[in-house]
PDB file of N, CA and C in Angstrom:
ATOM      1  N   MET A   1      26.201 119.282 151.644  1.00  0.00           N
ATOM      2  CA  MET A   1      27.589 119.721 151.604  1.00  0.00           C
ATOM      3  C   MET A   1      28.113 119.565 150.175  1.00  0.00           C
ATOM      4  N   VAL A   2      28.883 120.524 149.728  1.00  0.00           N
ATOM      5  CA  VAL A   2      29.463 120.524 148.389  1.00  0.00           C
ATOM      6  C   VAL A   2      30.488 119.392 148.272  1.00  0.00           C
ATOM      7  N   LYS A   3      30.415 118.660 147.162  1.00  0.00           N
ATOM      8  CA  LYS A   3      31.330 117.541 146.921  1.00  0.00           C
ATOM      9  C   LYS A   3      32.513 118.015 146.070  1.00  0.00           C
ATOM     10  N   LEU A   4      33.717 117.841 146.617  1.00  0.00           N
ATOM     11  CA  LEU A   4      34.952 118.251 145.957  1.00  0.00           C
ATOM     12  C   LEU A   4      35.810 117.020 145.699  1.00  0.00           C
ATOM     13  N   LEU A   5      36.102 116.783 144.430  1.00  0.00           N
ATOM     14  CA  LEU A   5      37.007 115.707 144.044  1.00  0.00           C
ATOM     15  C   LEU A   5      38.370 116.308 143.757  1.00  0.00           C
ATOM     16  N   ILE A   6      39.390 115.808 144.449  1.00  0.00           N
ATOM     17  CA  ILE A   6      40.762 116.253 144.245  1.00  0.00           C
ATOM     18  C   ILE A   6      41.529 115.125 143.575  1.00  0.00           C
ATOM     19  N   ILE A   7      42.133 115.431 142.435  1.00  0.00           N
ATOM     20  CA  ILE A   7      42.936 114.451 141.702  1.00  0.00           C
ATOM     21  C   ILE A   7      44.363 114.979 141.724  1.00  0.00           C
ATOM     22  N   GLU A   8      45.159 114.470 142.659  1.00  0.00           N
ATOM     23  CA  GLU A   8      46.491 115.011 142.941  1.00  0.00           C
ATOM     24  C   GLU A   8      47.353 113.907 143.529  1.00  0.00           C
ATOM     25  N   ASP A   9      48.549 113.715 142.983  1.00  0.00           N
ATOM     26  CA  ASP A   9      49.419 112.638 143.464  1.00  0.00           C
ATOM     27  C   ASP A   9      50.432 113.081 144.517  1.00  0.00           C
ATOM     28  N   ASP A  10      50.518 114.359 144.809  1.00  0.00           N
ATOM     29  CA  ASP A  10      51.447 114.856 145.820  1.00  0.00           C
ATOM     30  C   ASP A  10      50.804 114.680 147.201  1.00  0.00           C
ATOM     31  N   MET A  11      51.338 113.750 147.976  1.00  0.00           N
ATOM     32  CA  MET A  11      50.747 113.420 149.278  1.00  0.00           C
ATOM     33  C   MET A  11      50.766 114.597 150.255  1.00  0.00           C
ATOM     34  N   LEU A  12      51.798 115.434 150.186  1.00  0.00           N
ATOM     35  CA  LEU A  12      51.843 116.605 151.067  1.00  0.00           C
ATOM     36  C   LEU A  12      50.725 117.587 150.742  1.00  0.00           C
ATOM     37  N   LEU A  13      50.496 117.801 149.454  1.00  0.00           N
ATOM     38  CA  LEU A  13      49.381 118.674 149.045  1.00  0.00           C
ATOM     39  C   LEU A  13      48.042 118.057 149.433  1.00  0.00           C
ATOM     40  N   ASP A  14      47.909 116.759 149.221  1.00  0.00           N
ATOM     41  CA  ASP A  14      46.657 116.086 149.590  1.00  0.00           C
ATOM     42  C   ASP A  14      46.345 116.290 151.071  1.00  0.00           C
ATOM     43  N   GLU A  15      47.358 116.160 151.902  1.00  0.00           N
ATOM     44  CA  GLU A  15      47.162 116.359 153.341  1.00  0.00           C
ATOM     45  C   GLU A  15      46.813 117.810 153.646  1.00  0.00           C
ATOM     46  N   ALA A  16      47.466 118.747 152.980  1.00  0.00           N
ATOM     47  CA  ALA A  16      47.150 120.170 153.179  1.00  0.00           C
ATOM     48  C   ALA A  16      45.713 120.461 152.756  1.00  0.00           C
ATOM     49  N   TYR A  17      45.296 119.920 151.622  1.00  0.00           N
ATOM     50  CA  TYR A  17      43.911 120.102 151.169  1.00  0.00           C
ATOM     51  C   TYR A  17      42.936 119.512 152.179  1.00  0.00           C
ATOM     52  N   ARG A  18      43.259 118.317 152.660  1.00  0.00           N
ATOM     53  CA  ARG A  18      42.374 117.646 153.619  1.00  0.00           C
ATOM     54  C   ARG A  18      42.214 118.498 154.880  1.00  0.00           C
ATOM     55  N   ARG A  19      43.317 119.007 155.401  1.00  0.00           N
ATOM     56  CA  ARG A  19      43.242 119.818 156.617  1.00  0.00           C
ATOM     57  C   ARG A  19      42.465 121.118 156.390  1.00  0.00           C
ATOM     58  N   LYS A  20      42.701 121.754 155.264  1.00  0.00           N
ATOM     59  CA  LYS A  20      42.106 123.060 154.990  1.00  0.00           C
ATOM     60  C   LYS A  20      40.620 122.974 154.624  1.00  0.00           C
ATOM     61  N   TYR A  21      40.249 121.970 153.833  1.00  0.00           N
ATOM     62  CA  TYR A  21      38.914 121.974 153.236  1.00  0.00           C
ATOM     63  C   TYR A  21      37.937 120.937 153.790  1.00  0.00           C
ATOM     64  N   SER A  22      38.361 120.051 154.668  1.00  0.00           N
ATOM     65  CA  SER A  22      37.494 118.931 155.070  1.00  0.00           C
ATOM     66  C   SER A  22      36.237 119.361 155.816  1.00  0.00           C
ATOM     67  N   GLU A  23      36.270 120.484 156.497  1.00  0.00           N
ATOM     68  CA  GLU A  23      35.069 120.931 157.197  1.00  0.00           C
ATOM     69  C   GLU A  23      34.085 121.622 156.267  1.00  0.00           C
ATOM     70  N   LYS A  24      34.581 122.124 155.159  1.00  0.00           N
ATOM     71  CA  LYS A  24      33.737 122.877 154.227  1.00  0.00           C
ATOM     72  C   LYS A  24      33.171 121.996 153.111  1.00  0.00           C
ATOM     73  N   TYR A  25      33.943 121.007 152.689  1.00  0.00           N
ATOM     74  CA  TYR A  25      33.570 120.173 151.552  1.00  0.00           C
ATOM     75  C   TYR A  25      33.515 118.698 151.941  1.00  0.00           C
ATOM     76  N   ASP A  26      32.640 117.978 151.283  1.00  0.00           N
ATOM     77  CA  ASP A  26      32.673 116.522 151.307  1.00  0.00           C
ATOM     78  C   ASP A  26      33.727 116.158 150.258  1.00  0.00           C
ATOM     79  N   MET A  27      34.881 115.655 150.687  1.00  0.00           N
ATOM     80  CA  MET A  27      36.018 115.486 149.789  1.00  0.00           C
ATOM     81  C   MET A  27      36.340 114.032 149.511  1.00  0.00           C
ATOM     82  N   ARG A  28      36.803 113.809 148.292  1.00  0.00           N
ATOM     83  CA  ARG A  28      37.442 112.552 147.922  1.00  0.00           C
ATOM     84  C   ARG A  28      38.734 112.919 147.220  1.00  0.00           C
ATOM     85  N   ILE A  29      39.776 112.178 147.514  1.00  0.00           N
ATOM     86  CA  ILE A  29      41.068 112.411 146.895  1.00  0.00           C
ATOM     87  C   ILE A  29      41.509 111.144 146.187  1.00  0.00           C
ATOM     88  N   THR A  30      41.891 111.304 144.920  1.00  0.00           N
ATOM     89  CA  THR A  30      42.480 110.199 144.179  1.00  0.00           C
ATOM     90  C   THR A  30      43.859 110.639 143.718  1.00  0.00           C
ATOM     91  N   THR A  31      44.748 109.678 143.528  1.00  0.00           N
ATOM     92  CA  THR A  31      46.137 110.025 143.243  1.00  0.00           C
ATOM     93  C   THR A  31      46.582 109.667 141.830  1.00  0.00           C
ATOM     94  N   ASP A  32      45.644 109.257 140.992  1.00  0.00           N
ATOM     95  CA  ASP A  32      45.987 108.994 139.593  1.00  0.00           C
ATOM     96  C   ASP A  32      44.799 109.317 138.704  1.00  0.00           C
ATOM     97  N   GLY A  33      45.061 109.423 137.403  1.00  0.00           N
ATOM     98  CA  GLY A  33      44.024 109.822 136.463  1.00  0.00           C
ATOM     99  C   GLY A  33      42.884 108.832 136.334  1.00  0.00           C
ATOM    100  N   GLU A  34      43.214 107.546 136.307  1.00  0.00           N
ATOM    101  CA  GLU A  34      42.174 106.528 136.165  1.00  0.00           C
ATOM    102  C   GLU A  34      41.198 106.574 137.343  1.00  0.00           C
ATOM    103  N   GLY A  35      41.760 106.660 138.556  1.00  0.00           N
ATOM    104  CA  GLY A  35      40.920 106.736 139.749  1.00  0.00           C
ATOM    105  C   GLY A  35      40.091 108.011 139.789  1.00  0.00           C
ATOM    106  N   GLY A  36      40.696 109.106 139.349  1.00  0.00           N
ATOM    107  CA  GLY A  36      39.976 110.373 139.327  1.00  0.00           C
ATOM    108  C   GLY A  36      38.810 110.367 138.356  1.00  0.00           C
ATOM    109  N   LEU A  37      39.040 109.815 137.178  1.00  0.00           N
ATOM    110  CA  LEU A  37      37.978 109.744 136.180  1.00  0.00           C
ATOM    111  C   LEU A  37      36.841 108.852 136.658  1.00  0.00           C
ATOM    112  N   LYS A  38      37.201 107.720 137.235  1.00  0.00           N
ATOM    113  CA  LYS A  38      36.190 106.800 137.763  1.00  0.00           C
ATOM    114  C   LYS A  38      35.376 107.459 138.883  1.00  0.00           C
ATOM    115  N   ALA A  39      36.067 108.153 139.796  1.00  0.00           N
ATOM    116  CA  ALA A  39      35.379 108.825 140.895  1.00  0.00           C
ATOM    117  C   ALA A  39      34.459 109.932 140.386  1.00  0.00           C
ATOM    118  N   ALA A  40      34.905 110.684 139.394  1.00  0.00           N
ATOM    119  CA  ALA A  40      34.083 111.763 138.844  1.00  0.00           C
ATOM    120  C   ALA A  40      32.807 111.207 138.230  1.00  0.00           C
ATOM    121  N   ARG A  41      32.911 110.098 137.554  1.00  0.00           N
ATOM    122  CA  ARG A  41      31.737 109.517 136.895  1.00  0.00           C
ATOM    123  C   ARG A  41      30.778 108.852 137.878  1.00  0.00           C
ATOM    124  N   SER A  42      31.295 108.246 138.910  1.00  0.00           N
ATOM    125  CA  SER A  42      30.418 107.531 139.837  1.00  0.00           C
ATOM    126  C   SER A  42      29.922 108.407 140.984  1.00  0.00           C
ATOM    127  N   TRP A  43      30.761 109.303 141.481  1.00  0.00           N
ATOM    128  CA  TRP A  43      30.418 110.111 142.649  1.00  0.00           C
ATOM    129  C   TRP A  43      29.743 111.426 142.266  1.00  0.00           C
ATOM    130  N   GLU A  44      29.970 111.895 141.053  1.00  0.00           N
ATOM    131  CA  GLU A  44      29.380 113.131 140.535  1.00  0.00           C
ATOM    132  C   GLU A  44      29.647 114.336 141.454  1.00  0.00           C
ATOM    133  N   PRO A  45      30.909 114.753 141.556  1.00  0.00           N
ATOM    134  CA  PRO A  45      31.243 115.889 142.423  1.00  0.00           C
ATOM    135  C   PRO A  45      30.703 117.205 141.878  1.00  0.00           C
ATOM    136  N   ASP A  46      30.650 118.201 142.758  1.00  0.00           N
ATOM    137  CA  ASP A  46      30.233 119.545 142.367  1.00  0.00           C
ATOM    138  C   ASP A  46      31.410 120.334 141.793  1.00  0.00           C
ATOM    139  N   LEU A  47      32.624 119.970 142.204  1.00  0.00           N
ATOM    140  CA  LEU A  47      33.852 120.642 141.777  1.00  0.00           C
ATOM    141  C   LEU A  47      34.975 119.621 141.647  1.00  0.00           C
ATOM    142  N   VAL A  48      35.919 119.915 140.747  1.00  0.00           N
ATOM    143  CA  VAL A  48      37.111 119.078 140.618  1.00  0.00           C
ATOM    144  C   VAL A  48      38.347 119.971 140.699  1.00  0.00           C
ATOM    145  N   LEU A  49      39.304 119.554 141.519  1.00  0.00           N
ATOM    146  CA  LEU A  49      40.618 120.179 141.603  1.00  0.00           C
ATOM    147  C   LEU A  49      41.585 119.169 141.003  1.00  0.00           C
ATOM    148  N   LEU A  50      42.211 119.534 139.883  1.00  0.00           N
ATOM    149  CA  LEU A  50      42.945 118.578 139.062  1.00  0.00           C
ATOM    150  C   LEU A  50      44.396 118.991 138.844  1.00  0.00           C
ATOM    151  N   ASP A  51      45.294 118.046 139.096  1.00  0.00           N
ATOM    152  CA  ASP A  51      46.704 118.220 138.770  1.00  0.00           C
ATOM    153  C   ASP A  51      46.911 117.697 137.352  1.00  0.00           C
ATOM    154  N   ILE A  52      47.882 118.225 136.631  1.00  0.00           N
ATOM    155  CA  ILE A  52      48.158 117.770 135.266  1.00  0.00           C
ATOM    156  C   ILE A  52      49.091 116.571 135.244  1.00  0.00           C
ATOM    157  N   TYR A  53      50.162 116.651 136.018  1.00  0.00           N
ATOM    158  CA  TYR A  53      51.140 115.574 136.003  1.00  0.00           C
ATOM    159  C   TYR A  53      50.712 114.505 137.001  1.00  0.00           C
ATOM    160  N   LEU A  54      50.211 113.369 136.479  1.00  0.00           N
ATOM    161  CA  LEU A  54      49.721 112.275 137.306  1.00  0.00           C
ATOM    162  C   LEU A  54      50.351 110.963 136.856  1.00  0.00           C
ATOM    163  N   PRO A  55      50.540 110.034 137.775  1.00  0.00           N
ATOM    164  CA  PRO A  55      51.070 108.728 137.387  1.00  0.00           C
ATOM    165  C   PRO A  55      49.997 107.882 136.708  1.00  0.00           C
ATOM    166  N   GLY A  56      50.423 106.867 135.993  1.00  0.00           N
ATOM    167  CA  GLY A  56      49.474 105.939 135.382  1.00  0.00           C
ATOM    168  C   GLY A  56      49.225 106.232 133.918  1.00  0.00           C
ATOM    169  N   LYS A  57      48.196 105.605 133.392  1.00  0.00           N
ATOM    170  CA  LYS A  57      47.881 105.699 131.964  1.00  0.00           C
ATOM    171  C   LYS A  57      47.305 107.046 131.562  1.00  0.00           C
ATOM    172  N   LEU A  58      46.593 107.701 132.478  1.00  0.00           N
ATOM    173  CA  LEU A  58      45.937 108.977 132.162  1.00  0.00           C
ATOM    174  C   LEU A  58      46.560 110.105 132.968  1.00  0.00           C
ATOM    175  N   ASP A  59      47.027 111.146 132.269  1.00  0.00           N
ATOM    176  CA  ASP A  59      47.489 112.334 132.992  1.00  0.00           C
ATOM    177  C   ASP A  59      46.307 113.300 133.123  1.00  0.00           C
ATOM    178  N   GLY A  60      46.557 114.461 133.700  1.00  0.00           N
ATOM    179  CA  GLY A  60      45.485 115.424 133.915  1.00  0.00           C
ATOM    180  C   GLY A  60      44.851 115.936 132.632  1.00  0.00           C
ATOM    181  N   ILE A  61      45.641 116.048 131.570  1.00  0.00           N
ATOM    182  CA  ILE A  61      45.106 116.463 130.261  1.00  0.00           C
ATOM    183  C   ILE A  61      44.089 115.430 129.779  1.00  0.00           C
ATOM    184  N   ASP A  62      44.435 114.156 129.907  1.00  0.00           N
ATOM    185  CA  ASP A  62      43.523 113.080 129.498  1.00  0.00           C
ATOM    186  C   ASP A  62      42.243 113.112 130.330  1.00  0.00           C
ATOM    187  N   VAL A  63      42.397 113.298 131.630  1.00  0.00           N
ATOM    188  CA  VAL A  63      41.233 113.343 132.522  1.00  0.00           C
ATOM    189  C   VAL A  63      40.336 114.521 132.148  1.00  0.00           C
ATOM    190  N   LEU A  64      40.929 115.688 131.950  1.00  0.00           N
ATOM    191  CA  LEU A  64      40.159 116.869 131.561  1.00  0.00           C
ATOM    192  C   LEU A  64      39.399 116.609 130.262  1.00  0.00           C
ATOM    193  N   ARG A  65      40.075 116.069 129.271  1.00  0.00           N
ATOM    194  CA  ARG A  65      39.453 115.773 127.978  1.00  0.00           C
ATOM    195  C   ARG A  65      38.246 114.837 128.158  1.00  0.00           C
ATOM    196  N   GLU A  66      38.437 113.771 128.930  1.00  0.00           N
ATOM    197  CA  GLU A  66      37.361 112.797 129.143  1.00  0.00           C
ATOM    198  C   GLU A  66      36.191 113.405 129.923  1.00  0.00           C
ATOM    199  N   LEU A  67      36.490 114.189 130.941  1.00  0.00           N
ATOM    200  CA  LEU A  67      35.420 114.812 131.725  1.00  0.00           C
ATOM    201  C   LEU A  67      34.605 115.779 130.881  1.00  0.00           C
ATOM    202  N   LYS A  68      35.268 116.541 130.022  1.00  0.00           N
ATOM    203  CA  LYS A  68      34.567 117.536 129.223  1.00  0.00           C
ATOM    204  C   LYS A  68      33.781 116.927 128.072  1.00  0.00           C
ATOM    205  N   LYS A  69      34.152 115.753 127.594  1.00  0.00           N
ATOM    206  CA  LYS A  69      33.394 115.160 126.489  1.00  0.00           C
ATOM    207  C   LYS A  69      32.252 114.257 126.960  1.00  0.00           C
ATOM    208  N   ASP A  70      32.220 113.913 128.237  1.00  0.00           N
ATOM    209  CA  ASP A  70      31.173 113.060 128.793  1.00  0.00           C
ATOM    210  C   ASP A  70      30.013 113.945 129.266  1.00  0.00           C
ATOM    211  N   PRO A  71      28.810 113.769 128.708  1.00  0.00           N
ATOM    212  CA  PRO A  71      27.677 114.614 129.113  1.00  0.00           C
ATOM    213  C   PRO A  71      27.383 114.562 130.619  1.00  0.00           C
ATOM    214  N   LYS A  72      27.727 113.460 131.257  1.00  0.00           N
ATOM    215  CA  LYS A  72      27.478 113.302 132.692  1.00  0.00           C
ATOM    216  C   LYS A  72      28.402 114.188 133.543  1.00  0.00           C
ATOM    217  N   THR A  73      29.588 114.502 133.015  1.00  0.00           N
ATOM    218  CA  THR A  73      30.567 115.263 133.798  1.00  0.00           C
ATOM    219  C   THR A  73      30.984 116.585 133.161  1.00  0.00           C
ATOM    220  N   SER A  74      30.490 116.878 131.983  1.00  0.00           N
ATOM    221  CA  SER A  74      30.980 118.037 131.230  1.00  0.00           C
ATOM    222  C   SER A  74      30.701 119.379 131.897  1.00  0.00           C
ATOM    223  N   ARG A  75      29.712 119.442 132.751  1.00  0.00           N
ATOM    224  CA  ARG A  75      29.357 120.723 133.372  1.00  0.00           C
ATOM    225  C   ARG A  75      30.020 120.937 134.735  1.00  0.00           C
ATOM    226  N   ILE A  76      30.787 119.962 135.209  1.00  0.00           N
ATOM    227  CA  ILE A  76      31.456 120.106 136.497  1.00  0.00           C
ATOM    228  C   ILE A  76      32.584 121.139 136.363  1.00  0.00           C
ATOM    229  N   PRO A  77      32.580 122.179 137.206  1.00  0.00           N
ATOM    230  CA  PRO A  77      33.676 123.147 137.164  1.00  0.00           C
ATOM    231  C   PRO A  77      35.000 122.474 137.548  1.00  0.00           C
ATOM    232  N   ILE A  78      36.053 122.792 136.799  1.00  0.00           N
ATOM    233  CA  ILE A  78      37.361 122.184 137.017  1.00  0.00           C
ATOM    234  C   ILE A  78      38.411 123.271 137.199  1.00  0.00           C
ATOM    235  N   LEU A  79      39.109 123.190 138.332  1.00  0.00           N
ATOM    236  CA  LEU A  79      40.242 124.057 138.617  1.00  0.00           C
ATOM    237  C   LEU A  79      41.499 123.212 138.469  1.00  0.00           C
ATOM    238  N   VAL A  80      42.366 123.609 137.553  1.00  0.00           N
ATOM    239  CA  VAL A  80      43.616 122.892 137.318  1.00  0.00           C
ATOM    240  C   VAL A  80      44.742 123.607 138.048  1.00  0.00           C
ATOM    241  N   ILE A  81      45.551 122.817 138.755  1.00  0.00           N
ATOM    242  CA  ILE A  81      46.742 123.317 139.428  1.00  0.00           C
ATOM    243  C   ILE A  81      47.917 122.542 138.846  1.00  0.00           C
ATOM    244  N   THR A  82      48.932 123.252 138.354  1.00  0.00           N
ATOM    245  CA  THR A  82      50.018 122.559 137.665  1.00  0.00           C
ATOM    246  C   THR A  82      51.371 123.217 137.902  1.00  0.00           C
ATOM    247  N   ASN A  83      52.401 122.458 137.641  1.00  0.00           N
ATOM    248  CA  ASN A  83      53.768 122.995 137.628  1.00  0.00           C
ATOM    249  C   ASN A  83      54.240 123.236 136.195  1.00  0.00           C
ATOM    250  N   LEU A  84      53.412 122.924 135.225  1.00  0.00           N
ATOM    251  CA  LEU A  84      53.797 123.015 133.818  1.00  0.00           C
ATOM    252  C   LEU A  84      53.307 124.331 133.214  1.00  0.00           C
ATOM    253  N   PRO A  85      54.191 125.313 133.007  1.00  0.00           N
ATOM    254  CA  PRO A  85      53.773 126.625 132.512  1.00  0.00           C
ATOM    255  C   PRO A  85      53.089 126.574 131.149  1.00  0.00           C
ATOM    256  N   ASP A  86      53.486 125.664 130.299  1.00  0.00           N
ATOM    257  CA  ASP A  86      52.885 125.593 128.972  1.00  0.00           C
ATOM    258  C   ASP A  86      51.487 124.960 128.988  1.00  0.00           C
ATOM    259  N   ALA A  87      51.052 124.469 130.126  1.00  0.00           N
ATOM    260  CA  ALA A  87      49.747 123.813 130.206  1.00  0.00           C
ATOM    261  C   ALA A  87      48.595 124.794 130.428  1.00  0.00           C
ATOM    262  N   VAL A  88      48.883 125.978 130.933  1.00  0.00           N
ATOM    263  CA  VAL A  88      47.821 126.912 131.318  1.00  0.00           C
ATOM    264  C   VAL A  88      46.892 127.226 130.146  1.00  0.00           C
ATOM    265  N   GLU A  89      47.432 127.675 129.041  1.00  0.00           N
ATOM    266  CA  GLU A  89      46.592 128.003 127.877  1.00  0.00           C
ATOM    267  C   GLU A  89      45.900 126.768 127.321  1.00  0.00           C
ATOM    268  N   LYS A  90      46.617 125.664 127.285  1.00  0.00           N
ATOM    269  CA  LYS A  90      46.064 124.430 126.722  1.00  0.00           C
ATOM    270  C   LYS A  90      44.841 123.954 127.497  1.00  0.00           C
ATOM    271  N   VAL A  91      44.937 123.884 128.827  1.00  0.00           N
ATOM    272  CA  VAL A  91      43.809 123.359 129.602  1.00  0.00           C
ATOM    273  C   VAL A  91      42.636 124.324 129.605  1.00  0.00           C
ATOM    274  N   THR A  92      42.931 125.609 129.555  1.00  0.00           N
ATOM    275  CA  THR A  92      41.848 126.589 129.472  1.00  0.00           C
ATOM    276  C   THR A  92      41.098 126.431 128.148  1.00  0.00           C
ATOM    277  N   ALA A  93      41.840 126.238 127.074  1.00  0.00           N
ATOM    278  CA  ALA A  93      41.212 126.016 125.763  1.00  0.00           C
ATOM    279  C   ALA A  93      40.413 124.710 125.734  1.00  0.00           C
ATOM    280  N   MET A  94      40.824 123.750 126.532  1.00  0.00           N
ATOM    281  CA  MET A  94      40.133 122.454 126.580  1.00  0.00           C
ATOM    282  C   MET A  94      38.888 122.484 127.456  1.00  0.00           C
ATOM    283  N   GLY A  95      38.669 123.574 128.195  1.00  0.00           N
ATOM    284  CA  GLY A  95      37.462 123.680 128.995  1.00  0.00           C
ATOM    285  C   GLY A  95      37.655 123.783 130.490  1.00  0.00           C
ATOM    286  N   ALA A  96      38.909 123.786 130.963  1.00  0.00           N
ATOM    287  CA  ALA A  96      39.126 124.011 132.393  1.00  0.00           C
ATOM    288  C   ALA A  96      38.608 125.404 132.737  1.00  0.00           C
ATOM    289  N   ASP A  97      37.963 125.530 133.863  1.00  0.00           N
ATOM    290  CA  ASP A  97      37.377 126.808 134.237  1.00  0.00           C
ATOM    291  C   ASP A  97      38.420 127.799 134.735  1.00  0.00           C
ATOM    292  N   LYS A  98      39.500 127.272 135.294  1.00  0.00           N
ATOM    293  CA  LYS A  98      40.580 128.120 135.794  1.00  0.00           C
ATOM    294  C   LYS A  98      41.825 127.256 135.897  1.00  0.00           C
ATOM    295  N   CYS A  99      42.992 127.881 135.747  1.00  0.00           N
ATOM    296  CA  CYS A  99      44.253 127.162 135.871  1.00  0.00           C
ATOM    297  C   CYS A  99      45.263 128.056 136.573  1.00  0.00           C
ATOM    298  N   PHE A 100      45.920 127.504 137.582  1.00  0.00           N
ATOM    299  CA  PHE A 100      46.961 128.210 138.318  1.00  0.00           C
ATOM    300  C   PHE A 100      48.246 127.402 138.300  1.00  0.00           C
ATOM    301  N   MET A 101      49.345 128.114 138.359  1.00  0.00           N
ATOM    302  CA  MET A 101      50.636 127.482 138.602  1.00  0.00           C
ATOM    303  C   MET A 101      50.733 127.201 140.103  1.00  0.00           C
ATOM    304  N   LYS A 102      51.219 126.031 140.464  1.00  0.00           N
ATOM    305  CA  LYS A 102      51.329 125.682 141.885  1.00  0.00           C
ATOM    306  C   LYS A 102      52.163 126.691 142.655  1.00  0.00           C
ATOM    307  N   THR A 103      53.164 127.237 142.020  1.00  0.00           N
ATOM    308  CA  THR A 103      54.050 128.183 142.702  1.00  0.00           C
ATOM    309  C   THR A 103      53.398 129.538 142.940  1.00  0.00           C
ATOM    310  N   GLU A 104      52.279 129.799 142.287  1.00  0.00           N
ATOM    311  CA  GLU A 104      51.637 131.117 142.376  1.00  0.00           C
ATOM    312  C   GLU A 104      50.392 131.150 143.256  1.00  0.00           C
ATOM    313  N   VAL A 105      50.024 130.026 143.844  1.00  0.00           N
ATOM    314  CA  VAL A 105      48.774 130.005 144.602  1.00  0.00           C
ATOM    315  C   VAL A 105      48.999 129.497 146.022  1.00  0.00           C
ATOM    316  N   ASP A 106      48.021 129.824 146.854  1.00  0.00           N
ATOM    317  CA  ASP A 106      48.005 129.278 148.203  1.00  0.00           C
ATOM    318  C   ASP A 106      46.623 128.674 148.452  1.00  0.00           C
ATOM    319  N   LEU A 107      46.458 128.042 149.576  1.00  0.00           N
ATOM    320  CA  LEU A 107      45.206 127.338 149.868  1.00  0.00           C
ATOM    321  C   LEU A 107      44.006 128.276 149.938  1.00  0.00           C
ATOM    322  N   ASP A 108      44.216 129.504 150.396  1.00  0.00           N
ATOM    323  CA  ASP A 108      43.108 130.466 150.468  1.00  0.00           C
ATOM    324  C   ASP A 108      42.641 130.872 149.066  1.00  0.00           C
ATOM    325  N   LEU A 109      43.581 131.126 148.163  1.00  0.00           N
ATOM    326  CA  LEU A 109      43.209 131.489 146.797  1.00  0.00           C
ATOM    327  C   LEU A 109      42.492 130.323 146.103  1.00  0.00           C
ATOM    328  N   ILE A 110      42.942 129.112 146.339  1.00  0.00           N
ATOM    329  CA  ILE A 110      42.260 127.946 145.760  1.00  0.00           C
ATOM    330  C   ILE A 110      40.833 127.875 146.283  1.00  0.00           C
ATOM    331  N   GLU A 111      40.654 128.064 147.577  1.00  0.00           N
ATOM    332  CA  GLU A 111      39.316 128.014 148.171  1.00  0.00           C
ATOM    333  C   GLU A 111      38.418 129.115 147.592  1.00  0.00           C
ATOM    334  N   GLU A 112      38.942 130.321 147.486  1.00  0.00           N
ATOM    335  CA  GLU A 112      38.169 131.423 146.911  1.00  0.00           C
ATOM    336  C   GLU A 112      37.762 131.104 145.467  1.00  0.00           C
ATOM    337  N   THR A 113      38.676 130.532 144.712  1.00  0.00           N
ATOM    338  CA  THR A 113      38.403 130.202 143.316  1.00  0.00           C
ATOM    339  C   THR A 113      37.368 129.088 143.219  1.00  0.00           C
ATOM    340  N   LEU A 114      37.492 128.068 144.052  1.00  0.00           N
ATOM    341  CA  LEU A 114      36.490 126.997 144.052  1.00  0.00           C
ATOM    342  C   LEU A 114      35.109 127.547 144.371  1.00  0.00           C
ATOM    343  N   ASP A 115      35.027 128.422 145.377  1.00  0.00           N
ATOM    344  CA  ASP A 115      33.746 129.038 145.733  1.00  0.00           C
ATOM    345  C   ASP A 115      33.170 129.836 144.569  1.00  0.00           C
ATOM    346  N   SER A 116      34.018 130.583 143.887  1.00  0.00           N
ATOM    347  CA  SER A 116      33.582 131.375 142.742  1.00  0.00           C
ATOM    348  C   SER A 116      33.089 130.481 141.598  1.00  0.00           C
ATOM    349  N   LEU A 117      33.814 129.411 141.328  1.00  0.00           N
ATOM    350  CA  LEU A 117      33.396 128.484 140.264  1.00  0.00           C
ATOM    351  C   LEU A 117      32.072 127.827 140.594  1.00  0.00           C
ATOM    352  N   LEU A 118      31.891 127.463 141.852  1.00  0.00           N
ATOM    353  CA  LEU A 118      30.638 126.842 142.276  1.00  0.00           C
ATOM    354  C   LEU A 118      29.487 127.827 142.126  1.00  0.00           C
ATOM    355  N   GLU A 119      29.702 129.058 142.528  1.00  0.00           N
ATOM    356  CA  GLU A 119      28.682 130.089 142.410  1.00  0.00           C
ATOM    357  C   GLU A 119      28.267 130.294 140.959  1.00  0.00           C
ATOM    358  N   LYS A 120      29.234 130.359 140.059  1.00  0.00           N
ATOM    359  CA  LYS A 120      28.946 130.532 138.639  1.00  0.00           C
ATOM    360  C   LYS A 120      28.175 129.345 138.073  1.00  0.00           C
ATOM    361  N   SER A 121      28.528 128.144 138.511  1.00  0.00           N
ATOM    362  CA  SER A 121      27.882 126.945 137.963  1.00  0.00           C
ATOM    363  C   SER A 121      26.429 126.813 138.435  1.00  0.00           C
ATOM    364  N   GLU A 122      26.107 127.441 139.541  1.00  0.00           N
ATOM    365  CA  GLU A 122      24.747 127.340 140.096  1.00  0.00           C
ATOM    366  C   GLU A 122      23.792 128.337 139.451  1.00  0.00           C
ATOM    367  N   ARG A 123      24.305 129.259 138.658  1.00  0.00           N
ATOM    368  CA  ARG A 123      23.461 130.275 138.032  1.00  0.00           C
ATOM    369  C   ARG A 123      22.664 129.699 136.884  1.00  0.00           C
TER     370      ARG A 123
END
């Protein structure tokens, strides 16, 4: 089963992701950047769904930067979901595979995008 790490502090979204994707993916959800980075390094997911605005010492930009510079995690496809319009270009330039505004996506589009990213990474 494909391993999906979700780094998102919005509990309502976390529950929606859990309901929608739990049968398709082996999922772990963390609610802060430090936990997400630790989980990515130890669990080695196949995909990461990352929020930018996170509580704690590391925000999503920090997590993305660390994941992309670590040889162990640099090849993991990352889909960023954010409420920050100015973040889209920045995270894409930093190596995020795709970035959506939270207001512009739904759970089906996220699932389709995750599947597409996984397919590309397996080539």
